[in-house]
Amino acid sequence: MASECSYPDPGNPDEFCLQRNFPLRAGILLVSEIGLVSFTLATSLLIYFLVPGHRVHPEGLEYEVQPMSVLFLFALSLNAIQGTSNVMSVKWALEGEVTEGSYCTAQAVMRQIGNDGVAWFTIAIVVLTYLQVFHPGFIGVRGQKIFMAASIGFISLFIFIMVLIPAATLYPYYGDTGLWCWIVKRKENSRFWIASENAWTWLAVSVTLVAYGIIALWDGILLVRITVPHSQPSYTFPVLVYFVVVAPQSVLRLLQFQASQTRHGWTILTSAIFSSGGALNVIFWLWTGRRFGFSLRVQELERNQPRPEDVELDQLVT
């Protein structure tokens, strides 16, 4: 543990010493512990999925993973990356100071990959859900797979560009932001900081509210007859989890945009809630009994016939 904090950088207004502020150090440690729980649970579920044994049906048929489930698994892997970035803050809690360097940059990069990735995969899950409800004939099985592949490709390329180009052209881009490492608040970085800290999060929340609002309104005023495969997952819970964990942080960001001075304690509290996303996703998955939306791999002729396990849901007019 360092005996004293290094001389602060006058060009970085967010930099300050944590050594004599035990509550803040305890709060950072709490965020790290929640991040560790999210990382452990998310990674465990991913490992479980990679084990091939549970994908074999008792009758000997192999299960096929639904596209929606693949998107959820990618979101879960980014939850694990988010958790790792939060676990790394334990160094700052123990040392009482955030020090810039390769470790700091690694934390900021992983934080950005996790934040942006989870937001965009949430959008992909919402859009696919909307298409399955209102355009099942258009999207089809093949269309879902194309949408899944296109989403993964776009999001991967998008995150690569969002991380690589600013970091290569702007300096300093990643650095000490007071409690941990993130995009430094400089005029040159403002557009990227707003995008990664707020824009994609608010976009995901907006798309969720609009799409799920339309679905709820449609189900509430019309007689809808939907045929849903028994094994097709209804991935409302990861979207709900995302909405719950980002709401407090979004309110805090709005207050900061209005030039309101918010205490560091509120930042830690909202960050702790936000870092719990991976753990909550796994808990909801276990609670709802989801199995990644596996469906039996059958012959093409059988796929075109009504399946006995298909369930017709009648939504009555309210």
C-alpha atoms as a PDB file:
ATOM      1  CA  MET A   1       0.000   0.000   0.000  1.00  0.00           C
ATOM      2  CA  ALA A   2       1.349   3.406  -0.927  1.00  0.00           C
ATOM      3  CA  SER A   3       2.338   5.680   1.953  1.00  0.00           C
ATOM      4  CA  GLU A   4       1.092   8.851   0.239  1.00  0.00           C
ATOM      5  CA  CYS A   5      -0.614   9.877  -2.964  1.00  0.00           C
ATOM      6  CA  SER A   6       1.439  11.108  -5.861  1.00  0.00           C
ATOM      7  CA  TYR A   7       1.298  14.743  -6.920  1.00  0.00           C
ATOM      8  CA  PRO A   8      -2.053  15.389  -8.646  1.00  0.00           C
ATOM      9  CA  ASP A   9      -2.228  16.302 -12.309  1.00  0.00           C
ATOM     10  CA  PRO A  10      -3.526  19.910 -12.584  1.00  0.00           C
ATOM     11  CA  GLY A  11      -4.911  19.110 -16.033  1.00  0.00           C
ATOM     12  CA  ASN A  12      -7.189  16.375 -14.685  1.00  0.00           C
ATOM     13  CA  PRO A  13      -9.871  17.865 -12.394  1.00  0.00           C
ATOM     14  CA  ASP A  14     -11.262  14.405 -11.577  1.00  0.00           C
ATOM     15  CA  GLU A  15      -8.044  13.170 -10.005  1.00  0.00           C
ATOM     16  CA  PHE A  16      -7.921  13.137  -6.226  1.00  0.00           C
ATOM     17  CA  CYS A  17      -6.474  11.121  -3.358  1.00  0.00           C
ATOM     18  CA  LEU A  18      -8.517   8.330  -1.770  1.00  0.00           C
ATOM     19  CA  GLN A  19      -6.158   7.445   1.056  1.00  0.00           C
ATOM     20  CA  ARG A  20      -7.848   9.484   3.756  1.00  0.00           C
ATOM     21  CA  ASN A  21     -11.372   8.736   2.565  1.00  0.00           C
ATOM     22  CA  PHE A  22     -12.169   5.299   3.917  1.00  0.00           C
ATOM     23  CA  PRO A  23     -15.908   5.327   2.932  1.00  0.00           C
ATOM     24  CA  LEU A  24     -15.026   5.906  -0.732  1.00  0.00           C
ATOM     25  CA  ARG A  25     -12.402   3.157  -0.671  1.00  0.00           C
ATOM     26  CA  ALA A  26     -14.933   0.808   0.930  1.00  0.00           C
ATOM     27  CA  GLY A  27     -17.447   1.760  -1.740  1.00  0.00           C
ATOM     28  CA  ILE A  28     -14.971   1.027  -4.535  1.00  0.00           C
ATOM     29  CA  LEU A  29     -14.243  -2.311  -2.884  1.00  0.00           C
ATOM     30  CA  LEU A  30     -17.991  -3.033  -2.806  1.00  0.00           C
ATOM     31  CA  VAL A  31     -18.252  -2.351  -6.553  1.00  0.00           C
ATOM     32  CA  SER A  32     -15.314  -4.728  -7.076  1.00  0.00           C
ATOM     33  CA  GLU A  33     -16.968  -7.459  -5.020  1.00  0.00           C
ATOM     34  CA  ILE A  34     -20.255  -7.144  -6.923  1.00  0.00           C
ATOM     35  CA  GLY A  35     -18.260  -7.233 -10.160  1.00  0.00           C
ATOM     36  CA  LEU A  36     -16.594 -10.433  -8.979  1.00  0.00           C
ATOM     37  CA  VAL A  37     -19.983 -12.040  -8.304  1.00  0.00           C
ATOM     38  CA  SER A  38     -21.248 -11.010 -11.753  1.00  0.00           C
ATOM     39  CA  PHE A  39     -18.081 -12.284 -13.418  1.00  0.00           C
ATOM     40  CA  THR A  40     -18.219 -15.615 -11.566  1.00  0.00           C
ATOM     41  CA  LEU A  41     -21.895 -16.299 -12.266  1.00  0.00           C
ATOM     42  CA  ALA A  42     -21.773 -15.165 -15.896  1.00  0.00           C
ATOM     43  CA  THR A  43     -18.613 -17.166 -16.603  1.00  0.00           C
ATOM     44  CA  SER A  44     -20.041 -20.244 -14.898  1.00  0.00           C
ATOM     45  CA  LEU A  45     -23.161 -20.115 -17.059  1.00  0.00           C
ATOM     46  CA  LEU A  46     -21.060 -19.691 -20.203  1.00  0.00           C
ATOM     47  CA  ILE A  47     -18.914 -22.686 -19.240  1.00  0.00           C
ATOM     48  CA  TYR A  48     -22.062 -24.702 -18.586  1.00  0.00           C
ATOM     49  CA  PHE A  49     -23.282 -23.863 -22.060  1.00  0.00           C
ATOM     50  CA  LEU A  50     -19.977 -24.898 -23.647  1.00  0.00           C
ATOM     51  CA  VAL A  51     -20.169 -28.356 -22.050  1.00  0.00           C
ATOM     52  CA  PRO A  52     -21.764 -30.478 -24.817  1.00  0.00           C
ATOM     53  CA  GLY A  53     -23.292 -33.119 -22.544  1.00  0.00           C
ATOM     54  CA  HIS A  54     -26.421 -31.172 -21.582  1.00  0.00           C
ATOM     55  CA  ARG A  55     -27.260 -30.503 -25.227  1.00  0.00           C
ATOM     56  CA  VAL A  56     -28.150 -34.129 -25.934  1.00  0.00           C
ATOM     57  CA  HIS A  57     -31.792 -35.149 -25.628  1.00  0.00           C
ATOM     58  CA  PRO A  58     -32.561 -38.401 -23.751  1.00  0.00           C
ATOM     59  CA  GLU A  59     -33.787 -39.878 -27.045  1.00  0.00           C
ATOM     60  CA  GLY A  60     -30.390 -39.275 -28.588  1.00  0.00           C
ATOM     61  CA  LEU A  61     -31.277 -36.214 -30.656  1.00  0.00           C
ATOM     62  CA  GLU A  62     -29.014 -33.195 -30.511  1.00  0.00           C
ATOM     63  CA  TYR A  63     -30.298 -29.808 -29.412  1.00  0.00           C
ATOM     64  CA  GLU A  64     -29.916 -26.765 -31.656  1.00  0.00           C
ATOM     65  CA  VAL A  65     -29.399 -23.369 -30.053  1.00  0.00           C
ATOM     66  CA  GLN A  66     -31.897 -20.651 -30.934  1.00  0.00           C
ATOM     67  CA  PRO A  67     -30.531 -17.354 -32.379  1.00  0.00           C
ATOM     68  CA  MET A  68     -32.093 -15.388 -29.524  1.00  0.00           C
ATOM     69  CA  SER A  69     -30.142 -17.502 -27.069  1.00  0.00           C
ATOM     70  CA  VAL A  70     -26.873 -16.839 -28.888  1.00  0.00           C
ATOM     71  CA  LEU A  71     -27.467 -13.099 -28.559  1.00  0.00           C
ATOM     72  CA  PHE A  72     -28.136 -13.576 -24.855  1.00  0.00           C
ATOM     73  CA  LEU A  73     -24.907 -15.542 -24.457  1.00  0.00           C
ATOM     74  CA  PHE A  74     -22.907 -12.793 -26.154  1.00  0.00           C
ATOM     75  CA  ALA A  75     -24.502 -10.239 -23.843  1.00  0.00           C
ATOM     76  CA  LEU A  76     -23.633 -12.476 -20.914  1.00  0.00           C
ATOM     77  CA  SER A  77     -19.987 -12.703 -22.027  1.00  0.00           C
ATOM     78  CA  LEU A  78     -19.844  -8.905 -22.098  1.00  0.00           C
ATOM     79  CA  ASN A  79     -21.365  -8.894 -18.610  1.00  0.00           C
ATOM     80  CA  ALA A  80     -18.364 -10.984 -17.605  1.00  0.00           C
ATOM     81  CA  ILE A  81     -16.001  -8.424 -19.172  1.00  0.00           C
ATOM     82  CA  GLN A  82     -17.840  -5.674 -17.310  1.00  0.00           C
ATOM     83  CA  GLY A  83     -17.410  -7.630 -14.105  1.00  0.00           C
ATOM     84  CA  THR A  84     -13.688  -8.022 -14.733  1.00  0.00           C
ATOM     85  CA  SER A  85     -13.236  -4.269 -15.190  1.00  0.00           C
ATOM     86  CA  ASN A  86     -14.981  -3.678 -11.866  1.00  0.00           C
ATOM     87  CA  VAL A  87     -12.892  -6.317 -10.100  1.00  0.00           C
ATOM     88  CA  MET A  88      -9.771  -4.456 -11.226  1.00  0.00           C
ATOM     89  CA  SER A  89     -10.821  -1.483  -9.070  1.00  0.00           C
ATOM     90  CA  VAL A  90      -9.760  -3.428  -5.986  1.00  0.00           C
ATOM     91  CA  LYS A  91      -6.227  -2.169  -6.719  1.00  0.00           C
ATOM     92  CA  TRP A  92      -7.349   1.439  -6.285  1.00  0.00           C
ATOM     93  CA  ALA A  93      -9.267   0.632  -3.103  1.00  0.00           C
ATOM     94  CA  LEU A  94      -6.210  -0.981  -1.517  1.00  0.00           C
ATOM     95  CA  GLU A  95      -3.672   1.587  -2.683  1.00  0.00           C
ATOM     96  CA  GLY A  96      -5.887   4.597  -2.013  1.00  0.00           C
ATOM     97  CA  GLU A  97      -5.083   6.145  -5.379  1.00  0.00           C
ATOM     98  CA  VAL A  98      -5.780   5.579  -9.069  1.00  0.00           C
ATOM     99  CA  THR A  99      -2.506   5.502 -10.997  1.00  0.00           C
ATOM    100  CA  GLU A 100      -2.351   5.686 -14.768  1.00  0.00           C
ATOM    101  CA  GLY A 101      -0.520   3.082 -16.823  1.00  0.00           C
ATOM    102  CA  SER A 102      -1.162  -0.129 -18.719  1.00  0.00           C
ATOM    103  CA  TYR A 103      -3.308  -1.555 -15.908  1.00  0.00           C
ATOM    104  CA  CYS A 104      -5.445   1.589 -15.861  1.00  0.00           C
ATOM    105  CA  THR A 105      -5.809   1.540 -19.650  1.00  0.00           C
ATOM    106  CA  ALA A 106      -6.793  -2.141 -19.605  1.00  0.00           C
ATOM    107  CA  GLN A 107      -9.535  -1.423 -17.079  1.00  0.00           C
ATOM    108  CA  ALA A 108     -10.910   1.466 -19.135  1.00  0.00           C
ATOM    109  CA  VAL A 109     -10.875  -0.562 -22.367  1.00  0.00           C
ATOM    110  CA  MET A 110     -12.672  -3.510 -20.766  1.00  0.00           C
ATOM    111  CA  ARG A 111     -15.161  -1.142 -19.184  1.00  0.00           C
ATOM    112  CA  GLN A 112     -15.950   0.426 -22.559  1.00  0.00           C
ATOM    113  CA  ILE A 113     -16.221  -2.937 -24.338  1.00  0.00           C
ATOM    114  CA  GLY A 114     -18.584  -4.226 -21.654  1.00  0.00           C
ATOM    115  CA  ASN A 115     -20.762  -1.107 -21.446  1.00  0.00           C
ATOM    116  CA  ASP A 116     -21.152  -0.599 -25.195  1.00  0.00           C
ATOM    117  CA  GLY A 117     -21.497  -4.299 -25.971  1.00  0.00           C
ATOM    118  CA  VAL A 118     -24.224  -5.015 -23.425  1.00  0.00           C
ATOM    119  CA  ALA A 119     -26.195  -1.979 -24.633  1.00  0.00           C
ATOM    120  CA  TRP A 120     -26.062  -3.038 -28.287  1.00  0.00           C
ATOM    121  CA  PHE A 121     -26.842  -6.710 -27.646  1.00  0.00           C
ATOM    122  CA  THR A 122     -29.814  -5.584 -25.558  1.00  0.00           C
ATOM    123  CA  ILE A 123     -31.009  -3.625 -28.594  1.00  0.00           C
ATOM    124  CA  ALA A 124     -30.514  -6.714 -30.791  1.00  0.00           C
ATOM    125  CA  ILE A 125     -32.578  -8.878 -28.404  1.00  0.00           C
ATOM    126  CA  VAL A 126     -35.377  -6.294 -28.313  1.00  0.00           C
ATOM    127  CA  VAL A 127     -35.487  -5.903 -32.104  1.00  0.00           C
ATOM    128  CA  LEU A 128     -35.512  -9.661 -32.687  1.00  0.00           C
ATOM    129  CA  THR A 129     -38.303 -10.060 -30.138  1.00  0.00           C
ATOM    130  CA  TYR A 130     -40.316  -7.378 -31.944  1.00  0.00           C
ATOM    131  CA  LEU A 131     -39.798  -9.095 -35.311  1.00  0.00           C
ATOM    132  CA  GLN A 132     -40.810 -12.473 -33.892  1.00  0.00           C
ATOM    133  CA  VAL A 133     -44.062 -11.043 -32.522  1.00  0.00           C
ATOM    134  CA  PHE A 134     -45.168  -8.863 -35.446  1.00  0.00           C
ATOM    135  CA  HIS A 135     -43.406 -10.396 -38.458  1.00  0.00           C
ATOM    136  CA  PRO A 136     -42.948 -14.127 -37.727  1.00  0.00           C
ATOM    137  CA  GLY A 137     -43.491 -15.078 -41.363  1.00  0.00           C
ATOM    138  CA  PHE A 138     -40.957 -12.535 -42.610  1.00  0.00           C
ATOM    139  CA  ILE A 139     -38.214 -13.277 -40.108  1.00  0.00           C
ATOM    140  CA  GLY A 140     -38.577 -17.102 -40.116  1.00  0.00           C
ATOM    141  CA  VAL A 141     -35.922 -19.506 -38.851  1.00  0.00           C
ATOM    142  CA  ARG A 142     -33.387 -18.564 -41.515  1.00  0.00           C
ATOM    143  CA  GLY A 143     -34.057 -14.860 -41.031  1.00  0.00           C
ATOM    144  CA  GLN A 144     -33.391 -15.160 -37.305  1.00  0.00           C
ATOM    145  CA  LYS A 145     -30.018 -16.737 -37.982  1.00  0.00           C
ATOM    146  CA  ILE A 146     -29.128 -14.026 -40.497  1.00  0.00           C
ATOM    147  CA  PHE A 147     -30.179 -11.337 -38.020  1.00  0.00           C
ATOM    148  CA  MET A 148     -28.107 -12.994 -35.295  1.00  0.00           C
ATOM    149  CA  ALA A 149     -24.977 -13.197 -37.470  1.00  0.00           C
ATOM    150  CA  ALA A 150     -25.423  -9.620 -38.727  1.00  0.00           C
ATOM    151  CA  SER A 151     -25.877  -8.338 -35.169  1.00  0.00           C
ATOM    152  CA  ILE A 152     -22.753 -10.076 -33.889  1.00  0.00           C
ATOM    153  CA  GLY A 153     -20.705  -8.821 -36.839  1.00  0.00           C
ATOM    154  CA  PHE A 154     -21.951  -5.229 -36.592  1.00  0.00           C
ATOM    155  CA  ILE A 155     -21.531  -4.988 -32.813  1.00  0.00           C
ATOM    156  CA  SER A 156     -18.030  -6.490 -32.896  1.00  0.00           C
ATOM    157  CA  LEU A 157     -16.912  -4.068 -35.625  1.00  0.00           C
ATOM    158  CA  PHE A 158     -18.594  -1.142 -33.903  1.00  0.00           C
ATOM    159  CA  ILE A 159     -16.869  -1.798 -30.572  1.00  0.00           C
ATOM    160  CA  PHE A 160     -13.521  -2.271 -32.329  1.00  0.00           C
ATOM    161  CA  ILE A 161     -13.874   1.141 -34.016  1.00  0.00           C
ATOM    162  CA  MET A 162     -15.129   2.860 -30.850  1.00  0.00           C
ATOM    163  CA  VAL A 163     -12.110   1.634 -28.892  1.00  0.00           C
ATOM    164  CA  LEU A 164      -9.286   1.704 -31.428  1.00  0.00           C
ATOM    165  CA  ILE A 165      -9.744   4.972 -33.341  1.00  0.00           C
ATOM    166  CA  PRO A 166     -10.156   7.384 -30.382  1.00  0.00           C
ATOM    167  CA  ALA A 167      -7.401   5.680 -28.385  1.00  0.00           C
ATOM    168  CA  ALA A 168      -5.032   5.964 -31.367  1.00  0.00           C
ATOM    169  CA  THR A 169      -5.840   9.584 -32.239  1.00  0.00           C
ATOM    170  CA  LEU A 170      -6.563  11.256 -28.894  1.00  0.00           C
ATOM    171  CA  TYR A 171      -4.210  11.547 -25.925  1.00  0.00           C
ATOM    172  CA  PRO A 172      -4.884  11.230 -23.126  1.00  0.00           C
ATOM    173  CA  TYR A 173      -8.036   9.264 -23.905  1.00  0.00           C
ATOM    174  CA  TYR A 174      -8.132   6.670 -21.130  1.00  0.00           C
ATOM    175  CA  GLY A 175      -6.970   7.611 -17.662  1.00  0.00           C
ATOM    176  CA  ASP A 176      -7.729   8.441 -14.042  1.00  0.00           C
ATOM    177  CA  THR A 177     -11.292   9.681 -13.551  1.00  0.00           C
ATOM    178  CA  GLY A 178     -11.187   9.820  -9.757  1.00  0.00           C
ATOM    179  CA  LEU A 179     -12.629   6.512  -8.596  1.00  0.00           C
ATOM    180  CA  TRP A 180     -11.364   4.264 -11.392  1.00  0.00           C
ATOM    181  CA  CYS A 181     -10.056   4.434 -14.953  1.00  0.00           C
ATOM    182  CA  TRP A 182     -12.315   5.463 -17.793  1.00  0.00           C
ATOM    183  CA  ILE A 183     -12.460   7.980 -20.664  1.00  0.00           C
ATOM    184  CA  VAL A 184     -10.857  11.191 -19.419  1.00  0.00           C
ATOM    185  CA  LYS A 185     -13.230  14.161 -19.436  1.00  0.00           C
ATOM    186  CA  ARG A 186     -11.521  16.474 -21.892  1.00  0.00           C
ATOM    187  CA  LYS A 187     -13.059  18.657 -24.575  1.00  0.00           C
ATOM    188  CA  GLU A 188     -11.450  16.525 -27.279  1.00  0.00           C
ATOM    189  CA  ASN A 189     -12.917  13.347 -25.745  1.00  0.00           C
ATOM    190  CA  SER A 190     -16.390  14.703 -24.989  1.00  0.00           C
ATOM    191  CA  ARG A 191     -18.220  13.140 -27.953  1.00  0.00           C
ATOM    192  CA  PHE A 192     -16.798   9.674 -27.306  1.00  0.00           C
ATOM    193  CA  TRP A 193     -17.326   9.985 -23.541  1.00  0.00           C
ATOM    194  CA  ILE A 194     -20.978  10.987 -24.042  1.00  0.00           C
ATOM    195  CA  ALA A 195     -21.490   8.141 -26.534  1.00  0.00           C
ATOM    196  CA  SER A 196     -19.937   5.367 -24.433  1.00  0.00           C
ATOM    197  CA  GLU A 197     -21.197   6.674 -21.099  1.00  0.00           C
ATOM    198  CA  ASN A 198     -24.704   7.706 -22.087  1.00  0.00           C
ATOM    199  CA  ALA A 199     -25.784   7.581 -25.752  1.00  0.00           C
ATOM    200  CA  TRP A 200     -25.808   3.822 -26.327  1.00  0.00           C
ATOM    201  CA  THR A 201     -27.337   3.207 -22.902  1.00  0.00           C
ATOM    202  CA  TRP A 202     -30.138   5.680 -23.531  1.00  0.00           C
ATOM    203  CA  LEU A 203     -30.622   4.319 -27.046  1.00  0.00           C
ATOM    204  CA  ALA A 204     -31.041   0.799 -25.648  1.00  0.00           C
ATOM    205  CA  VAL A 205     -33.525   2.028 -23.030  1.00  0.00           C
ATOM    206  CA  SER A 206     -35.469   4.028 -25.658  1.00  0.00           C
ATOM    207  CA  VAL A 207     -35.678   1.114 -28.089  1.00  0.00           C
ATOM    208  CA  THR A 208     -36.804  -1.144 -25.250  1.00  0.00           C
ATOM    209  CA  LEU A 209     -39.554   1.236 -24.136  1.00  0.00           C
ATOM    210  CA  VAL A 210     -40.839   1.786 -27.674  1.00  0.00           C
ATOM    211  CA  ALA A 211     -40.735  -1.852 -28.833  1.00  0.00           C
ATOM    212  CA  TYR A 212     -42.086  -3.419 -25.647  1.00  0.00           C
ATOM    213  CA  GLY A 213     -44.632  -0.610 -25.327  1.00  0.00           C
ATOM    214  CA  ILE A 214     -45.974  -1.403 -28.809  1.00  0.00           C
ATOM    215  CA  ILE A 215     -46.081  -5.106 -27.988  1.00  0.00           C
ATOM    216  CA  ALA A 216     -47.939  -4.459 -24.723  1.00  0.00           C
ATOM    217  CA  LEU A 217     -50.379  -2.063 -26.428  1.00  0.00           C
ATOM    218  CA  TRP A 218     -51.005  -4.505 -29.271  1.00  0.00           C
ATOM    219  CA  ASP A 219     -51.678  -7.354 -26.868  1.00  0.00           C
ATOM    220  CA  GLY A 220     -53.957  -5.160 -24.808  1.00  0.00           C
ATOM    221  CA  ILE A 221     -56.339  -3.911 -27.512  1.00  0.00           C
ATOM    222  CA  LEU A 222     -56.461  -6.698 -30.075  1.00  0.00           C
ATOM    223  CA  LEU A 223     -57.215 -10.423 -30.182  1.00  0.00           C
ATOM    224  CA  VAL A 224     -53.833 -11.859 -31.046  1.00  0.00           C
ATOM    225  CA  ARG A 225     -53.248 -15.521 -31.826  1.00  0.00           C
ATOM    226  CA  ILE A 226     -49.554 -16.343 -31.696  1.00  0.00           C
ATOM    227  CA  THR A 227     -47.973 -19.744 -32.186  1.00  0.00           C
ATOM    228  CA  VAL A 228     -44.844 -20.009 -30.084  1.00  0.00           C
ATOM    229  CA  PRO A 229     -42.556 -23.080 -30.012  1.00  0.00           C
ATOM    230  CA  HIS A 230     -42.406 -24.551 -26.537  1.00  0.00           C
ATOM    231  CA  SER A 231     -38.621 -24.333 -26.591  1.00  0.00           C
ATOM    232  CA  GLN A 232     -38.471 -20.772 -27.936  1.00  0.00           C
ATOM    233  CA  PRO A 233     -37.265 -18.512 -25.115  1.00  0.00           C
ATOM    234  CA  SER A 234     -39.021 -15.270 -24.262  1.00  0.00           C
ATOM    235  CA  TYR A 235     -36.026 -13.161 -23.378  1.00  0.00           C
ATOM    236  CA  THR A 236     -37.824 -10.430 -21.521  1.00  0.00           C
ATOM    237  CA  PHE A 237     -35.719 -10.900 -18.397  1.00  0.00           C
ATOM    238  CA  PRO A 238     -32.294  -9.695 -19.711  1.00  0.00           C
ATOM    239  CA  VAL A 239     -33.976  -6.599 -21.147  1.00  0.00           C
ATOM    240  CA  LEU A 240     -35.769  -6.006 -17.850  1.00  0.00           C
ATOM    241  CA  VAL A 241     -32.511  -6.475 -15.933  1.00  0.00           C
ATOM    242  CA  TYR A 242     -30.721  -3.998 -18.179  1.00  0.00           C
ATOM    243  CA  PHE A 243     -33.467  -1.423 -17.729  1.00  0.00           C
ATOM    244  CA  VAL A 244     -33.352  -1.789 -13.941  1.00  0.00           C
ATOM    245  CA  VAL A 245     -29.570  -1.551 -13.576  1.00  0.00           C
ATOM    246  CA  VAL A 246     -29.082   1.418 -15.929  1.00  0.00           C
ATOM    247  CA  ALA A 247     -32.005   3.531 -14.684  1.00  0.00           C
ATOM    248  CA  PRO A 248     -30.272   4.871 -11.519  1.00  0.00           C
ATOM    249  CA  GLN A 249     -27.063   5.620 -13.431  1.00  0.00           C
ATOM    250  CA  SER A 250     -29.012   7.381 -16.194  1.00  0.00           C
ATOM    251  CA  VAL A 251     -30.734   9.645 -13.661  1.00  0.00           C
ATOM    252  CA  LEU A 252     -27.348  10.511 -12.171  1.00  0.00           C
ATOM    253  CA  ARG A 253     -25.943  11.323 -15.627  1.00  0.00           C
ATOM    254  CA  LEU A 254     -28.882  13.647 -16.344  1.00  0.00           C
ATOM    255  CA  LEU A 255     -28.191  15.500 -13.111  1.00  0.00           C
ATOM    256  CA  GLN A 256     -24.528  15.809 -14.039  1.00  0.00           C
ATOM    257  CA  PHE A 257     -25.439  17.184 -17.472  1.00  0.00           C
ATOM    258  CA  GLN A 258     -27.428  19.904 -15.711  1.00  0.00           C
ATOM    259  CA  ALA A 259     -24.209  20.953 -13.950  1.00  0.00           C
ATOM    260  CA  SER A 260     -25.408  19.564 -10.639  1.00  0.00           C
ATOM    261  CA  GLN A 261     -22.648  18.512  -8.276  1.00  0.00           C
ATOM    262  CA  THR A 262     -23.307  14.919  -7.269  1.00  0.00           C
ATOM    263  CA  ARG A 263     -21.505  13.219  -4.439  1.00  0.00           C
ATOM    264  CA  HIS A 264     -19.085  10.386  -5.174  1.00  0.00           C
ATOM    265  CA  GLY A 265     -21.233   8.173  -2.961  1.00  0.00           C
ATOM    266  CA  TRP A 266     -24.073   8.348  -5.488  1.00  0.00           C
ATOM    267  CA  THR A 267     -21.659   7.455  -8.269  1.00  0.00           C
ATOM    268  CA  ILE A 268     -20.518   4.396  -6.341  1.00  0.00           C
ATOM    269  CA  LEU A 269     -24.087   3.351  -5.511  1.00  0.00           C
ATOM    270  CA  THR A 270     -25.295   3.551  -9.109  1.00  0.00           C
ATOM    271  CA  SER A 271     -22.117   1.839 -10.336  1.00  0.00           C
ATOM    272  CA  ALA A 272     -22.661  -0.988  -7.851  1.00  0.00           C
ATOM    273  CA  ILE A 273     -26.206  -1.485  -9.173  1.00  0.00           C
ATOM    274  CA  PHE A 274     -24.967  -1.323 -12.759  1.00  0.00           C
ATOM    275  CA  SER A 275     -22.207  -3.872 -12.105  1.00  0.00           C
ATOM    276  CA  SER A 276     -24.780  -6.392 -10.824  1.00  0.00           C
ATOM    277  CA  GLY A 277     -26.255  -6.897 -14.311  1.00  0.00           C
ATOM    278  CA  GLY A 278     -24.412 -10.146 -15.020  1.00  0.00           C
ATOM    279  CA  ALA A 279     -25.375 -11.696 -11.703  1.00  0.00           C
ATOM    280  CA  LEU A 280     -29.031 -10.677 -12.098  1.00  0.00           C
ATOM    281  CA  ASN A 281     -29.153 -12.137 -15.611  1.00  0.00           C
ATOM    282  CA  VAL A 282     -27.974 -15.511 -14.338  1.00  0.00           C
ATOM    283  CA  ILE A 283     -30.351 -15.412 -11.356  1.00  0.00           C
ATOM    284  CA  PHE A 284     -33.322 -14.618 -13.596  1.00  0.00           C
ATOM    285  CA  TRP A 285     -32.282 -17.324 -16.046  1.00  0.00           C
ATOM    286  CA  LEU A 286     -32.259 -19.910 -13.233  1.00  0.00           C
ATOM    287  CA  TRP A 287     -35.479 -18.578 -11.712  1.00  0.00           C
ATOM    288  CA  THR A 288     -37.426 -18.696 -14.975  1.00  0.00           C
ATOM    289  CA  GLY A 289     -36.065 -22.136 -15.887  1.00  0.00           C
ATOM    290  CA  ARG A 290     -34.692 -21.086 -19.273  1.00  0.00           C
ATOM    291  CA  ARG A 291     -32.576 -23.554 -21.188  1.00  0.00           C
ATOM    292  CA  PHE A 292     -31.161 -21.211 -23.838  1.00  0.00           C
ATOM    293  CA  GLY A 293     -34.164 -21.885 -26.061  1.00  0.00           C
ATOM    294  CA  PHE A 294     -32.878 -25.232 -27.310  1.00  0.00           C
ATOM    295  CA  SER A 295     -34.940 -26.911 -30.024  1.00  0.00           C
ATOM    296  CA  LEU A 296     -34.535 -30.417 -31.354  1.00  0.00           C
ATOM    297  CA  ARG A 297     -32.608 -30.783 -34.582  1.00  0.00           C
ATOM    298  CA  VAL A 298     -35.049 -32.644 -36.835  1.00  0.00           C
ATOM    299  CA  GLN A 299     -35.453 -33.268 -40.519  1.00  0.00           C
ATOM    300  CA  GLU A 300     -36.546 -30.405 -42.775  1.00  0.00           C
ATOM    301  CA  LEU A 301     -39.907 -32.062 -43.430  1.00  0.00           C
ATOM    302  CA  GLU A 302     -40.644 -32.290 -39.738  1.00  0.00           C
ATOM    303  CA  ARG A 303     -39.776 -28.638 -39.270  1.00  0.00           C
ATOM    304  CA  ASN A 304     -42.496 -27.647 -41.731  1.00  0.00           C
ATOM    305  CA  GLN A 305     -45.150 -29.583 -39.814  1.00  0.00           C
ATOM    306  CA  PRO A 306     -46.904 -28.355 -36.664  1.00  0.00           C
ATOM    307  CA  ARG A 307     -44.923 -29.468 -33.634  1.00  0.00           C
ATOM    308  CA  PRO A 308     -46.847 -31.185 -30.788  1.00  0.00           C
ATOM    309  CA  GLU A 309     -45.057 -29.062 -28.237  1.00  0.00           C
ATOM    310  CA  ASP A 310     -46.171 -25.821 -29.906  1.00  0.00           C
ATOM    311  CA  VAL A 311     -48.402 -23.777 -27.640  1.00  0.00           C
ATOM    312  CA  GLU A 312     -51.034 -21.333 -28.882  1.00  0.00           C
ATOM    313  CA  LEU A 313     -51.428 -18.313 -26.650  1.00  0.00           C
ATOM    314  CA  ASP A 314     -54.741 -16.477 -26.854  1.00  0.00           C
ATOM    315  CA  GLN A 315     -54.550 -12.876 -25.664  1.00  0.00           C
ATOM    316  CA  LEU A 316     -58.088 -11.699 -24.801  1.00  0.00           C
ATOM    317  CA  VAL A 317     -59.320  -8.158 -25.336  1.00  0.00           C
ATOM    318  CA  THR A 318     -59.056  -6.093 -22.179  1.00  0.00           C
END
